[in-house]
Amino acid sequence: MKVAVASGGNIPSMFANSINTIRHADAFQKLGHQVEFYTVLRKNEKSFLKKINLQKHYNVEPLKMHFQKDHSLFFYNNNILFQKVIFFLEKIFGEKFLGRSNAEKKISKKLSNQALDLCYSRSYFVAINNIKYGIPTVLETHASSPSTISELVELSKLSNSDYLVGIVTIHEKIKHELSVLGFDEEKIIVLEDAVQECYFNEIEKHKKINSFKKQTKKTITYIGSLKQGKGISKIISISNELKHKKDITFQIIGGSDSEIKKIKKKYLIGKNINFVGFIPGQEVPKFLASSDLLLLLYDLNEKNPVMDYSTTSPIKLFEYMSSGVPILASKIPTIEKIVKNNDILIFENDHVSSQIIDILSDKKYLEYGKNAIELAKEFTYEKRVQNIISNISF
């Protein structure tokens, strides 16, 4: 098939939806489809592009990329104060006056000339305009409250169109909310997030390299965002409780320099914890392979978390499971519904510090990691894309 993958921006960036979107394009391509990627270019993206290698950043094969420059005021998305002014003006004068969606309309116009078999879109505006141009489109959205998003409300009015061939989301709760909004329930596909198929071989390769190295300390790792709700304060607290254990070290991978600086200013950071910062996607398998324990500990008491705990499907869970390394996780329903067996994840108890010591000293937990690998193989991007194709009606 001739496939376009479209985004409304944030390509490239450190955001999870950015990773998710690019890796779907990569999966379509690896399955033999002819793929081109279209996204909006603003100042943030333009600056980010200068600092990175796109393929290494996302750990993907080369993709044919098209960047549509945003000529509206929204081009200046790198200035927080200016963003607030723009969104204030938008509330007064409306989106059409400021032209927030003009770049995405131009993307749809270009797609209309491509004789596409399918467009996989993470942009509401692209999906809306694609339908008007007669382009078969599947939209993916993880929005936990669809009725609050004006673009989704607008799209729902076009939901009976034959050109909206499917909507992909990550939880039955979101499916229900979309159906209430007016979307055809038969078009809504619920799929968990995924891991790249290449992770399994890449991690195994790094483990073989590590087997020749002498390790004096056990390494406990967190990889992901440092934003509210991700449990960073909890990890710091645990590391402080274990600072007397000279054979244990913690590493937190992810986040911007400014985020790390704020965290170090806010919390007491011991010498046994290292903030590595953001790493390219290509390096993630190496860090997973060199770890002895992986942490997926949410802080459910933190205010204004960046995700909805009741609908999340964390990418890092699937990446963690592909490593074969034991995983200590918070027990929340969205994770429990993915990992139904008792010998895959280790759920945190009330005494996490002593629990960690037990995990690192008891070889039985190595079997949990091996079991996790087998489960992770069911959740690859390639299989996810195949599921999308098989469940949509052209």
Foldseek 3Di string as FASTA:
>chain_A
DAEEEEEADPVPDQDPVNLQRVVLQQLCVVVPYHYAYEYEAAPVNVVVVVVDDNCQQNVGDDHHYDYQYDPFQCSPVVDPVSVVVVVVVCVVVNCVVRVSCVSLLVVLVVVLPVPGPEYEYQDLSVLQNVLVSLAQYEYEDADLQQVVDVSLLVVLVVQVGLSHFAYEYADVSSLVNSVVSRHDSLRYHHDFAAAAPCLLVLLVVLLVVCVPPDQQAAEEEEEDEPFWFQCPVVVQVLCVVCVVPPRYAYEYEEDDPVSVVVVVVVDPHDPRYYYPYYDRPNCVSNVLSRHQEYERETDPPTPPGPDDLVRHRDHVLLSNLSNLHAYEHADGPSVCVLVVDPLQHHYADPCNNVVVVVSSVDCSNSVNSVVSNVSNVCGHSNNVSVVSVVSTDD
